[in-house]
C-alpha atoms as a PDB file:
ATOM      1  CA  MET A   1      59.457  34.001  82.266  1.00  0.00           C
ATOM      2  CA  PHE A   2      55.380  32.122  81.588  1.00  0.00           C
ATOM      3  CA  ALA A   3      53.072  32.750  85.014  1.00  0.00           C
ATOM      4  CA  SER A   4      52.000  29.317  86.486  1.00  0.00           C
ATOM      5  CA  THR A   5      48.278  29.176  87.839  1.00  0.00           C
ATOM      6  CA  ARG A   6      47.288  27.579  91.079  1.00  0.00           C
ATOM      7  CA  ASN A   7      50.321  28.768  93.698  1.00  0.00           C
ATOM      8  CA  SER A   8      52.940  26.603  91.657  1.00  0.00           C
ATOM      9  CA  PRO A   9      56.334  26.818  93.121  1.00  0.00           C
ATOM     10  CA  GLY A  10      57.062  29.622  90.153  1.00  0.00           C
ATOM     11  CA  GLU A  11      54.739  31.744  91.012  1.00  0.00           C
ATOM     12  CA  ALA A  12      55.847  32.012  94.519  1.00  0.00           C
ATOM     13  CA  ALA A  13      59.818  31.740  93.656  1.00  0.00           C
ATOM     14  CA  VAL A  14      58.744  35.358  91.324  1.00  0.00           C
ATOM     15  CA  ARG A  15      56.813  36.391  94.306  1.00  0.00           C
ATOM     16  CA  LEU A  16      59.655  38.875  95.494  1.00  0.00           C
ATOM     17  CA  ALA A  17      58.600  42.103  93.478  1.00  0.00           C
ATOM     18  CA  ALA A  18      54.676  41.396  94.161  1.00  0.00           C
ATOM     19  CA  HIS A  19      54.228  44.631  95.158  1.00  0.00           C
ATOM     20  CA  PRO A  20      54.695  47.604  94.355  1.00  0.00           C
ATOM     21  CA  ALA A  21      57.253  49.194  96.529  1.00  0.00           C
ATOM     22  CA  GLN A  22      59.401  46.204  95.973  1.00  0.00           C
ATOM     23  CA  ARG A  23      60.407  46.960  93.503  1.00  0.00           C
ATOM     24  CA  GLN A  24      63.771  48.112  93.283  1.00  0.00           C
ATOM     25  CA  LEU A  25      66.932  46.453  92.067  1.00  0.00           C
ATOM     26  CA  GLN A  26      68.575  43.432  93.291  1.00  0.00           C
ATOM     27  CA  THR A  27      70.654  40.626  92.807  1.00  0.00           C
ATOM     28  CA  ILE A  28      69.490  36.426  93.026  1.00  0.00           C
ATOM     29  CA  THR A  29      72.387  34.049  93.817  1.00  0.00           C
ATOM     30  CA  GLY A  30      72.343  30.868  91.372  1.00  0.00           C
ATOM     31  CA  HIS A  31      71.980  29.261  95.283  1.00  0.00           C
ATOM     32  CA  THR A  32      68.679  31.306  96.780  1.00  0.00           C
ATOM     33  CA  LEU A  33      67.093  30.597  92.780  1.00  0.00           C
ATOM     34  CA  SER A  34      67.089  27.701  93.220  1.00  0.00           C
ATOM     35  CA  GLN A  35      65.334  27.183  96.745  1.00  0.00           C
ATOM     36  CA  ARG A  36      62.750  30.049  95.675  1.00  0.00           C
ATOM     37  CA  LEU A  37      61.993  27.606  92.269  1.00  0.00           C
ATOM     38  CA  GLY A  38      61.092  24.501  94.631  1.00  0.00           C
ATOM     39  CA  SER A  39      61.531  20.689  93.711  1.00  0.00           C
ATOM     40  CA  GLY A  40      58.964  21.127  90.666  1.00  0.00           C
ATOM     41  CA  HIS A  41      61.884  23.468  88.280  1.00  0.00           C
ATOM     42  CA  ARG A  42      65.515  22.544  87.087  1.00  0.00           C
ATOM     43  CA  VAL A  43      67.788  25.271  87.379  1.00  0.00           C
ATOM     44  CA  MET A  44      70.742  24.663  85.050  1.00  0.00           C
ATOM     45  CA  LEU A  45      74.152  27.242  85.381  1.00  0.00           C
ATOM     46  CA  PRO A  46      77.250  26.924  84.402  1.00  0.00           C
ATOM     47  CA  ASP A  47      79.736  25.543  86.896  1.00  0.00           C
ATOM     48  CA  SER A  48      80.499  28.702  88.944  1.00  0.00           C
ATOM     49  CA  ASP A  49      80.428  29.347  92.798  1.00  0.00           C
ATOM     50  CA  PRO A  50      76.360  29.363  94.300  1.00  0.00           C
ATOM     51  CA  GLY A  51      76.470  32.138  95.963  1.00  0.00           C
ATOM     52  CA  ALA A  52      77.502  34.237  92.574  1.00  0.00           C
ATOM     53  CA  PRO A  53      74.398  36.488  91.716  1.00  0.00           C
ATOM     54  CA  ILE A  54      72.907  35.164  88.284  1.00  0.00           C
ATOM     55  CA  LEU A  55      69.867  37.765  87.754  1.00  0.00           C
ATOM     56  CA  SER A  56      69.435  41.604  88.277  1.00  0.00           C
ATOM     57  CA  GLY A  57      66.231  43.665  88.448  1.00  0.00           C
ATOM     58  CA  SER A  58      62.648  43.473  88.953  1.00  0.00           C
ATOM     59  CA  PHE A  59      59.822  40.745  88.275  1.00  0.00           C
ATOM     60  CA  SER A  60      56.535  40.127  90.177  1.00  0.00           C
ATOM     61  CA  VAL A  61      53.384  37.377  90.120  1.00  0.00           C
ATOM     62  CA  ALA A  62      49.975  39.187  90.618  1.00  0.00           C
ATOM     63  CA  HIS A  63      47.132  37.499  91.147  1.00  0.00           C
ATOM     64  CA  LEU A  64      44.724  39.828  89.862  1.00  0.00           C
ATOM     65  CA  ARG A  65      41.518  37.612  89.929  1.00  0.00           C
ATOM     66  CA  SER A  66      40.580  33.681  90.363  1.00  0.00           C
ATOM     67  CA  GLY A  67      42.189  32.865  87.014  1.00  0.00           C
ATOM     68  CA  LEU A  68      44.118  35.473  86.103  1.00  0.00           C
ATOM     69  CA  TYR A  69      47.915  35.961  86.621  1.00  0.00           C
ATOM     70  CA  MET A  70      50.539  37.831  85.605  1.00  0.00           C
ATOM     71  CA  HIS A  71      53.869  38.105  85.916  1.00  0.00           C
ATOM     72  CA  CYS A  72      56.188  41.403  84.680  1.00  0.00           C
ATOM     73  CA  THR A  73      59.636  40.981  84.033  1.00  0.00           C
ATOM     74  CA  ASP A  74      62.571  43.317  83.929  1.00  0.00           C
ATOM     75  CA  ILE A  75      65.528  41.558  84.621  1.00  0.00           C
ATOM     76  CA  ASP A  76      69.278  41.547  83.807  1.00  0.00           C
ATOM     77  CA  HIS A  77      71.105  38.020  83.176  1.00  0.00           C
ATOM     78  CA  LEU A  78      74.566  38.362  84.852  1.00  0.00           C
ATOM     79  CA  GLN A  79      75.057  34.449  83.694  1.00  0.00           C
ATOM     80  CA  THR A  80      73.280  31.913  81.544  1.00  0.00           C
ATOM     81  CA  LEU A  81      70.505  29.883  82.317  1.00  0.00           C
ATOM     82  CA  THR A  82      68.200  27.622  81.451  1.00  0.00           C
ATOM     83  CA  THR A  83      65.194  26.548  83.329  1.00  0.00           C
ATOM     84  CA  HIS A  84      62.706  24.208  83.041  1.00  0.00           C
ATOM     85  CA  PHE A  85      59.365  23.775  84.568  1.00  0.00           C
ATOM     86  CA  ALA A  86      56.093  21.094  84.118  1.00  0.00           C
ATOM     87  CA  LEU A  87      52.366  23.766  82.774  1.00  0.00           C
ATOM     88  CA  LEU A  88      49.936  21.328  84.375  1.00  0.00           C
ATOM     89  CA  GLU A  89      46.941  23.144  83.848  1.00  0.00           C
ATOM     90  CA  PRO A  90      45.138  24.200  80.501  1.00  0.00           C
ATOM     91  CA  SER A  91      45.240  28.289  79.867  1.00  0.00           C
ATOM     92  CA  ILE A  92      45.615  31.114  77.216  1.00  0.00           C
ATOM     93  CA  LYS A  93      48.699  32.806  77.512  1.00  0.00           C
ATOM     94  CA  VAL A  94      49.046  36.033  76.320  1.00  0.00           C
ATOM     95  CA  LEU A  95      52.369  37.266  75.602  1.00  0.00           C
ATOM     96  CA  LEU A  96      54.590  40.868  75.063  1.00  0.00           C
ATOM     97  CA  ARG A  97      57.815  41.033  75.134  1.00  0.00           C
ATOM     98  CA  LEU A  98      59.647  44.142  74.956  1.00  0.00           C
ATOM     99  CA  GLU A  99      63.339  43.664  74.709  1.00  0.00           C
ATOM    100  CA  GLY A 100      64.958  40.321  75.064  1.00  0.00           C
ATOM    101  CA  ASN A 101      65.999  37.020  72.939  1.00  0.00           C
ATOM    102  CA  SER A 102      65.658  34.476  75.466  1.00  0.00           C
ATOM    103  CA  GLN A 103      65.486  31.076  73.770  1.00  0.00           C
ATOM    104  CA  VAL A 104      61.089  29.381  75.137  1.00  0.00           C
ATOM    105  CA  ARG A 105      60.245  26.295  74.166  1.00  0.00           C
ATOM    106  CA  LEU A 106      56.776  25.146  75.233  1.00  0.00           C
ATOM    107  CA  GLY A 107      56.269  20.810  74.890  1.00  0.00           C
ATOM    108  CA  GLY A 108      59.449  20.741  72.598  1.00  0.00           C
ATOM    109  CA  LYS A 109      58.299  23.590  69.521  1.00  0.00           C
ATOM    110  CA  ALA A 110      59.707  27.458  69.795  1.00  0.00           C
ATOM    111  CA  VAL A 111      58.184  29.939  70.316  1.00  0.00           C
ATOM    112  CA  ASP A 112      59.513  33.133  68.837  1.00  0.00           C
ATOM    113  CA  LEU A 113      59.805  36.299  70.521  1.00  0.00           C
ATOM    114  CA  GLU A 114      63.008  37.597  69.762  1.00  0.00           C
ATOM    115  CA  ALA A 115      63.220  41.190  70.272  1.00  0.00           C
ATOM    116  CA  GLY A 116      65.571  42.401  70.653  1.00  0.00           C
ATOM    117  CA  GLN A 117      67.641  44.981  72.482  1.00  0.00           C
ATOM    118  CA  GLY A 118      68.364  48.404  73.767  1.00  0.00           C
ATOM    119  CA  ILE A 119      67.114  50.805  71.468  1.00  0.00           C
ATOM    120  CA  ALA A 120      66.659  48.571  68.887  1.00  0.00           C
ATOM    121  CA  SER A 121      65.026  46.911  70.152  1.00  0.00           C
ATOM    122  CA  ARG A 122      60.950  45.194  68.300  1.00  0.00           C
ATOM    123  CA  PRO A 123      58.761  44.309  70.473  1.00  0.00           C
ATOM    124  CA  ARG A 124      56.908  41.101  69.727  1.00  0.00           C
ATOM    125  CA  GLY A 125      54.005  39.206  70.926  1.00  0.00           C
ATOM    126  CA  ALA A 126      52.440  35.656  70.637  1.00  0.00           C
ATOM    127  CA  VAL A 127      48.983  33.763  72.809  1.00  0.00           C
ATOM    128  CA  VAL A 128      49.726  30.973  73.584  1.00  0.00           C
ATOM    129  CA  THR A 129      46.830  27.885  73.774  1.00  0.00           C
ATOM    130  CA  LEU A 130      47.208  25.352  75.907  1.00  0.00           C
ATOM    131  CA  THR A 131      44.954  22.449  76.013  1.00  0.00           C
ATOM    132  CA  GLU A 132      46.606  19.788  78.191  1.00  0.00           C
ATOM    133  CA  ALA A 133      50.522  19.754  79.937  1.00  0.00           C
ATOM    134  CA  VAL A 134      54.044  20.622  78.617  1.00  0.00           C
ATOM    135  CA  GLU A 135      56.916  21.096  79.507  1.00  0.00           C
ATOM    136  CA  PHE A 136      58.824  24.231  79.866  1.00  0.00           C
ATOM    137  CA  GLU A 137      61.821  25.661  78.912  1.00  0.00           C
ATOM    138  CA  ARG A 138      63.844  28.854  78.640  1.00  0.00           C
ATOM    139  CA  HIS A 139      67.295  29.327  77.435  1.00  0.00           C
ATOM    140  CA  CYS A 140      69.011  32.812  78.746  1.00  0.00           C
ATOM    141  CA  PRO A 141      72.756  33.830  78.251  1.00  0.00           C
ATOM    142  CA  ALA A 142      74.874  35.904  79.914  1.00  0.00           C
ATOM    143  CA  GLY A 143      74.481  39.490  79.138  1.00  0.00           C
ATOM    144  CA  LEU A 144      70.601  39.232  77.843  1.00  0.00           C
ATOM    145  CA  ARG A 145      67.913  41.826  79.696  1.00  0.00           C
ATOM    146  CA  GLU A 146      64.556  40.963  79.548  1.00  0.00           C
ATOM    147  CA  ARG A 147      61.560  43.094  79.974  1.00  0.00           C
ATOM    148  CA  MET A 148      57.725  41.729  79.242  1.00  0.00           C
ATOM    149  CA  VAL A 149      54.523  41.344  80.644  1.00  0.00           C
ATOM    150  CA  ALA A 150      52.561  37.470  80.638  1.00  0.00           C
ATOM    151  CA  ILE A 151      48.556  37.076  81.305  1.00  0.00           C
ATOM    152  CA  THR A 152      47.153  33.440  81.860  1.00  0.00           C
ATOM    153  CA  LEU A 153      43.662  33.102  81.164  1.00  0.00           C
ATOM    154  CA  SER A 154      42.445  29.109  83.319  1.00  0.00           C
ATOM    155  CA  PRO A 155      39.373  28.044  82.510  1.00  0.00           C
ATOM    156  CA  GLU A 156      38.141  29.044  85.655  1.00  0.00           C
ATOM    157  CA  TRP A 157      38.712  33.117  84.338  1.00  0.00           C
ATOM    158  CA  PHE A 158      36.855  32.442  82.104  1.00  0.00           C
ATOM    159  CA  ALA A 159      33.594  30.459  83.608  1.00  0.00           C
ATOM    160  CA  SER A 160      33.923  33.756  85.745  1.00  0.00           C
ATOM    161  CA  ALA A 161      33.628  36.657  83.044  1.00  0.00           C
ATOM    162  CA  ALA A 162      30.490  34.095  81.963  1.00  0.00           C
ATOM    163  CA  GLN A 163      32.400  32.447  78.723  1.00  0.00           C
ATOM    164  CA  ASP A 164      33.300  29.323  77.276  1.00  0.00           C
ATOM    165  CA  PHE A 165      37.186  28.201  77.265  1.00  0.00           C
ATOM    166  CA  PRO A 166      38.367  28.218  73.903  1.00  0.00           C
ATOM    167  CA  THR A 167      38.614  24.689  73.130  1.00  0.00           C
ATOM    168  CA  PHE A 168      38.437  25.221  69.761  1.00  0.00           C
ATOM    169  CA  ARG A 169      41.647  26.149  69.274  1.00  0.00           C
ATOM    170  CA  GLN A 170      44.838  23.545  68.381  1.00  0.00           C
ATOM    171  CA  HIS A 171      47.291  22.352  71.427  1.00  0.00           C
ATOM    172  CA  LEU A 172      49.765  24.503  71.042  1.00  0.00           C
ATOM    173  CA  ALA A 173      48.460  27.037  68.779  1.00  0.00           C
ATOM    174  CA  ILE A 174      51.335  29.448  68.487  1.00  0.00           C
ATOM    175  CA  GLN A 175      49.297  33.566  66.903  1.00  0.00           C
ATOM    176  CA  ALA A 176      51.674  36.260  66.458  1.00  0.00           C
ATOM    177  CA  TRP A 177      50.130  39.672  67.668  1.00  0.00           C
ATOM    178  CA  THR A 178      51.486  42.868  66.771  1.00  0.00           C
ATOM    179  CA  PRO A 179      50.886  45.399  70.144  1.00  0.00           C
ATOM    180  CA  SER A 180      49.354  48.716  69.583  1.00  0.00           C
ATOM    181  CA  PRO A 181      50.752  51.842  69.957  1.00  0.00           C
ATOM    182  CA  ARG A 182      49.017  52.003  73.308  1.00  0.00           C
ATOM    183  CA  SER A 183      49.932  48.440  74.348  1.00  0.00           C
ATOM    184  CA  LEU A 184      53.119  48.990  74.326  1.00  0.00           C
ATOM    185  CA  ALA A 185      52.398  52.381  77.080  1.00  0.00           C
ATOM    186  CA  ILE A 186      50.400  50.256  79.087  1.00  0.00           C
ATOM    187  CA  ALA A 187      52.765  47.355  79.253  1.00  0.00           C
ATOM    188  CA  GLU A 188      55.831  49.942  80.351  1.00  0.00           C
ATOM    189  CA  GLN A 189      52.783  50.728  83.003  1.00  0.00           C
ATOM    190  CA  LEU A 190      52.426  46.816  84.086  1.00  0.00           C
ATOM    191  CA  ILE A 191      56.765  46.788  84.074  1.00  0.00           C
ATOM    192  CA  ARG A 192      57.172  49.918  85.893  1.00  0.00           C
ATOM    193  CA  PRO A 193      53.739  50.930  87.480  1.00  0.00           C
ATOM    194  CA  PRO A 194      52.553  53.812  89.823  1.00  0.00           C
ATOM    195  CA  GLN A 195      53.538  53.659  93.254  1.00  0.00           C
ATOM    196  CA  PHE A 196      49.805  52.594  95.094  1.00  0.00           C
ATOM    197  CA  ASP A 197      48.965  50.940  98.544  1.00  0.00           C
ATOM    198  CA  GLY A 198      46.733  48.148  99.196  1.00  0.00           C
ATOM    199  CA  PRO A 199      43.209  48.154  96.577  1.00  0.00           C
ATOM    200  CA  MET A 200      43.818  50.671  94.042  1.00  0.00           C
ATOM    201  CA  HIS A 201      47.121  49.365  93.083  1.00  0.00           C
ATOM    202  CA  ALA A 202      45.551  45.726  91.232  1.00  0.00           C
ATOM    203  CA  LEU A 203      42.697  47.459  90.898  1.00  0.00           C
ATOM    204  CA  LEU A 204      44.847  49.190  88.047  1.00  0.00           C
ATOM    205  CA  GLN A 205      46.726  45.828  86.764  1.00  0.00           C
ATOM    206  CA  GLU A 206      44.352  44.375  86.226  1.00  0.00           C
ATOM    207  CA  SER A 207      42.202  46.183  84.267  1.00  0.00           C
ATOM    208  CA  ARG A 208      45.631  47.346  82.426  1.00  0.00           C
ATOM    209  CA  ALA A 209      46.187  43.769  81.529  1.00  0.00           C
ATOM    210  CA  LEU A 210      42.728  43.402  80.621  1.00  0.00           C
ATOM    211  CA  GLU A 211      43.614  45.676  77.884  1.00  0.00           C
ATOM    212  CA  LEU A 212      46.165  43.329  76.383  1.00  0.00           C
ATOM    213  CA  VAL A 213      44.418  40.612  77.112  1.00  0.00           C
ATOM    214  CA  ALA A 214      40.974  42.024  74.446  1.00  0.00           C
ATOM    215  CA  GLU A 215      44.140  43.331  71.590  1.00  0.00           C
ATOM    216  CA  ALA A 216      45.059  40.280  71.558  1.00  0.00           C
ATOM    217  CA  LEU A 217      43.391  38.275  71.886  1.00  0.00           C
ATOM    218  CA  ALA A 218      41.236  40.289  69.077  1.00  0.00           C
ATOM    219  CA  GLN A 219      44.002  40.273  66.326  1.00  0.00           C
ATOM    220  CA  ALA A 220      44.869  36.186  67.442  1.00  0.00           C
ATOM    221  CA  SER A 221      41.284  35.728  66.089  1.00  0.00           C
ATOM    222  CA  VAL A 222      41.417  37.422  62.455  1.00  0.00           C
ATOM    223  CA  GLY A 223      45.270  38.016  61.769  1.00  0.00           C
ATOM    224  CA  HIS A 224      45.212  41.324  61.913  1.00  0.00           C
ATOM    225  CA  ASP A 225      48.104  42.739  62.052  1.00  0.00           C
ATOM    226  CA  ALA A 226      48.643  46.797  63.363  1.00  0.00           C
ATOM    227  CA  ARG A 227      52.286  47.262  63.081  1.00  0.00           C
ATOM    228  CA  ALA A 228      53.066  50.945  63.260  1.00  0.00           C
ATOM    229  CA  LYS A 229      56.630  51.994  61.272  1.00  0.00           C
ATOM    230  CA  PRO A 230      59.110  51.917  63.964  1.00  0.00           C
ATOM    231  CA  LEU A 231      60.457  55.116  64.900  1.00  0.00           C
ATOM    232  CA  PRO A 232      64.567  55.654  63.705  1.00  0.00           C
ATOM    233  CA  PRO A 233      67.045  55.333  66.731  1.00  0.00           C
ATOM    234  CA  THR A 234      67.334  59.022  67.396  1.00  0.00           C
ATOM    235  CA  ALA A 235      63.901  59.910  67.397  1.00  0.00           C
ATOM    236  CA  TYR A 236      63.245  57.385  69.439  1.00  0.00           C
ATOM    237  CA  ARG A 237      65.560  59.115  72.473  1.00  0.00           C
ATOM    238  CA  ARG A 238      63.759  62.448  71.746  1.00  0.00           C
ATOM    239  CA  ILE A 239      60.483  60.792  72.579  1.00  0.00           C
ATOM    240  CA  GLU A 240      61.690  58.986  75.374  1.00  0.00           C
ATOM    241  CA  ARG A 241      63.581  62.262  76.629  1.00  0.00           C
ATOM    242  CA  LEU A 242      60.262  63.941  76.847  1.00  0.00           C
ATOM    243  CA  ARG A 243      58.401  60.909  78.447  1.00  0.00           C
ATOM    244  CA  LYS A 244      61.568  62.000  81.877  1.00  0.00           C
ATOM    245  CA  LEU A 245      60.132  65.619  81.021  1.00  0.00           C
ATOM    246  CA  LEU A 246      56.256  64.637  81.375  1.00  0.00           C
ATOM    247  CA  ASP A 247      57.097  62.241  84.142  1.00  0.00           C
ATOM    248  CA  SER A 248      59.634  65.593  86.186  1.00  0.00           C
ATOM    249  CA  GLY A 249      56.643  67.424  86.623  1.00  0.00           C
ATOM    250  CA  GLN A 250      59.080  70.365  85.087  1.00  0.00           C
ATOM    251  CA  ALA A 251      57.222  70.224  82.029  1.00  0.00           C
ATOM    252  CA  ASP A 252      53.106  70.291  84.118  1.00  0.00           C
ATOM    253  CA  ASP A 253      53.247  74.031  82.841  1.00  0.00           C
ATOM    254  CA  PHE A 254      54.406  74.188  79.784  1.00  0.00           C
ATOM    255  CA  ASP A 255      52.224  74.426  76.227  1.00  0.00           C
ATOM    256  CA  MET A 256      53.538  73.118  73.733  1.00  0.00           C
ATOM    257  CA  ASN A 257      55.339  74.970  71.321  1.00  0.00           C
ATOM    258  CA  ALA A 258      57.553  75.530  75.441  1.00  0.00           C
ATOM    259  CA  ILE A 259      57.878  71.382  75.622  1.00  0.00           C
ATOM    260  CA  ALA A 260      59.081  71.210  71.710  1.00  0.00           C
ATOM    261  CA  GLN A 261      61.476  74.271  72.144  1.00  0.00           C
ATOM    262  CA  HIS A 262      63.288  72.602  75.337  1.00  0.00           C
ATOM    263  CA  ILE A 263      63.241  69.021  73.414  1.00  0.00           C
ATOM    264  CA  GLY A 264      64.026  70.959  70.942  1.00  0.00           C
ATOM    265  CA  CYS A 265      62.502  70.109  67.467  1.00  0.00           C
ATOM    266  CA  ASN A 266      59.215  70.336  65.756  1.00  0.00           C
ATOM    267  CA  ALA A 267      55.982  70.566  67.433  1.00  0.00           C
ATOM    268  CA  ASN A 268      54.083  68.258  65.056  1.00  0.00           C
ATOM    269  CA  THR A 269      57.107  66.192  64.800  1.00  0.00           C
ATOM    270  CA  LEU A 270      56.699  65.367  68.217  1.00  0.00           C
ATOM    271  CA  GLN A 271      53.476  64.549  68.233  1.00  0.00           C
ATOM    272  CA  GLN A 272      52.857  62.845  65.881  1.00  0.00           C
ATOM    273  CA  GLN A 273      56.391  60.801  67.198  1.00  0.00           C
ATOM    274  CA  PHE A 274      55.146  60.728  70.343  1.00  0.00           C
ATOM    275  CA  ARG A 275      51.732  59.580  69.732  1.00  0.00           C
ATOM    276  CA  GLN A 276      53.148  56.629  67.424  1.00  0.00           C
ATOM    277  CA  THR A 277      54.570  55.623  70.378  1.00  0.00           C
ATOM    278  CA  TYR A 278      52.641  55.717  73.758  1.00  0.00           C
ATOM    279  CA  GLY A 279      49.105  55.853  72.103  1.00  0.00           C
ATOM    280  CA  GLN A 280      47.962  59.051  73.155  1.00  0.00           C
ATOM    281  CA  THR A 281      48.764  62.832  72.578  1.00  0.00           C
ATOM    282  CA  ILE A 282      51.471  64.293  74.323  1.00  0.00           C
ATOM    283  CA  PHE A 283      48.624  66.199  76.918  1.00  0.00           C
ATOM    284  CA  GLU A 284      46.805  63.321  77.168  1.00  0.00           C
ATOM    285  CA  TYR A 285      49.604  61.769  79.035  1.00  0.00           C
ATOM    286  CA  LEU A 286      50.772  64.694  80.552  1.00  0.00           C
ATOM    287  CA  ARG A 287      46.840  64.692  82.629  1.00  0.00           C
ATOM    288  CA  GLU A 288      46.389  61.162  83.963  1.00  0.00           C
ATOM    289  CA  GLN A 289      51.112  61.292  84.888  1.00  0.00           C
ATOM    290  CA  ARG A 290      49.156  64.386  86.682  1.00  0.00           C
ATOM    291  CA  LEU A 291      46.823  62.337  88.000  1.00  0.00           C
ATOM    292  CA  LEU A 292      48.333  59.429  89.368  1.00  0.00           C
ATOM    293  CA  ARG A 293      50.495  62.174  91.613  1.00  0.00           C
ATOM    294  CA  ALA A 294      47.793  63.836  92.766  1.00  0.00           C
ATOM    295  CA  ALA A 295      46.020  59.929  94.020  1.00  0.00           C
ATOM    296  CA  ARG A 296      49.721  58.966  94.776  1.00  0.00           C
ATOM    297  CA  ALA A 297      49.537  62.339  97.549  1.00  0.00           C
ATOM    298  CA  LEU A 298      45.592  61.582  98.604  1.00  0.00           C
ATOM    299  CA  GLN A 299      46.786  58.454  99.512  1.00  0.00           C
ATOM    300  CA  ARG A 300      50.852  59.033 100.675  1.00  0.00           C
ATOM    301  CA  GLU A 301      49.509  62.571 102.414  1.00  0.00           C
ATOM    302  CA  GLY A 302      46.307  62.387 103.067  1.00  0.00           C
ATOM    303  CA  ILE A 303      45.905  65.940 101.399  1.00  0.00           C
ATOM    304  CA  SER A 304      42.392  67.770 101.227  1.00  0.00           C
ATOM    305  CA  VAL A 305      41.019  67.539  97.312  1.00  0.00           C
ATOM    306  CA  ALA A 306      41.355  70.722  96.516  1.00  0.00           C
ATOM    307  CA  ARG A 307      45.313  70.731  97.214  1.00  0.00           C
ATOM    308  CA  ALA A 308      44.907  67.310  95.274  1.00  0.00           C
ATOM    309  CA  ALA A 309      43.270  69.022  92.107  1.00  0.00           C
ATOM    310  CA  GLU A 310      46.153  71.589  91.724  1.00  0.00           C
ATOM    311  CA  ILE A 311      48.409  69.250  91.170  1.00  0.00           C
ATOM    312  CA  ALA A 312      46.523  67.785  88.936  1.00  0.00           C
ATOM    313  CA  GLY A 313      46.660  71.618  87.588  1.00  0.00           C
ATOM    314  CA  TYR A 314      42.301  71.479  87.677  1.00  0.00           C
ATOM    315  CA  ASN A 315      40.703  75.378  88.978  1.00  0.00           C
ATOM    316  CA  ASN A 316      37.177  73.165  89.325  1.00  0.00           C
ATOM    317  CA  GLN A 317      37.552  70.515  91.916  1.00  0.00           C
ATOM    318  CA  ALA A 318      33.956  68.989  89.951  1.00  0.00           C
ATOM    319  CA  ASN A 319      35.925  68.830  86.985  1.00  0.00           C
ATOM    320  CA  PHE A 320      38.733  67.522  88.871  1.00  0.00           C
ATOM    321  CA  SER A 321      36.158  64.830  90.266  1.00  0.00           C
ATOM    322  CA  THR A 322      35.232  64.006  87.097  1.00  0.00           C
ATOM    323  CA  ALA A 323      38.469  63.005  85.507  1.00  0.00           C
ATOM    324  CA  PHE A 324      39.736  61.510  88.767  1.00  0.00           C
ATOM    325  CA  SER A 325      36.490  59.084  88.642  1.00  0.00           C
ATOM    326  CA  ARG A 326      37.453  57.802  85.122  1.00  0.00           C
ATOM    327  CA  GLN A 327      40.978  57.494  85.772  1.00  0.00           C
ATOM    328  CA  PHE A 328      40.938  55.106  88.193  1.00  0.00           C
ATOM    329  CA  GLY A 329      37.014  54.368  89.059  1.00  0.00           C
ATOM    330  CA  LEU A 330      36.848  55.843  92.456  1.00  0.00           C
ATOM    331  CA  SER A 331      35.668  60.003  93.309  1.00  0.00           C
ATOM    332  CA  PRO A 332      38.512  61.261  95.019  1.00  0.00           C
ATOM    333  CA  LYS A 333      36.601  61.751  98.576  1.00  0.00           C
ATOM    334  CA  HIS A 334      36.311  58.333  98.475  1.00  0.00           C
ATOM    335  CA  PHE A 335      39.678  57.299  96.943  1.00  0.00           C
ATOM    336  CA  ARG A 336      41.555  59.309  99.738  1.00  0.00           C
ATOM    337  CA  LEU A 337      38.948  57.694 102.454  1.00  0.00           C
ATOM    338  CA  LYS A 338      38.982  54.030 100.746  1.00  0.00           C
ATOM    339  CA  ILE A 339      43.537  53.709 101.611  1.00  0.00           C
END
């Protein structure tokens, strides 16, 4: 899906999971979807009970800043679904599909973003330029899973950044970009964000969205292809097991040899494959996850800065405060007081 701007009917319709604490799996019926999309949208479904579920999962639209919108999707299509609506304003759209083969057309022009399904999926990106209103059409067959991030930049955002809207780009120009491992990791974090409340969530989402925008626009400008050789399925499954281990906290006190032994793989191979997939080393990722856990505890439980430093694995509070501020843009003390 694409995020419309100016609080369009489409934006209002998909706010059901905009807050991170609301991103549980849920189902949407055909009747409910039609009500939420409003008069600006047309929804076509097979002849069936309008009360039957047609979608399961989570999707959200976030208004990150004036003229900057982001739409994150992680849904399963329970029925075949086709939607139409108008995109009325000029914009640049940065798209990154991690998984899914829905058919998308803008003004009758196909947007090639087929990423495949499951462990065989290969993420695809595109930068789309719209200088006038177009009709958006999206067709999704039953059984399709789609995971995607779509970022919309309006002329208003370019003006706020003291930049001219790129009117030199041809209307309906579609330029492919190949996401780096770092961008893939960012997209995963956007789709499954840390459970923060208040301004910290918006700050993190905006900073990560802009990282994707910077890489996509840089590639689209020079036609650069940064495609990394994909891992074979067995290696990808192994790296996913490793990521879940790191997320669980069980590996907080492991050294590299202990991690490699737990996963059952050579340490050097594990490091290389993890970096290829997530764009950072194993211990950079682990450090980031521990800082996120410390931040959540500061926010939700009001723990002391000293205790937060322990959770993050720091013996020295000053070093912890420096790392925390670099990661989140606020000191632990101010973060705790603000929230």
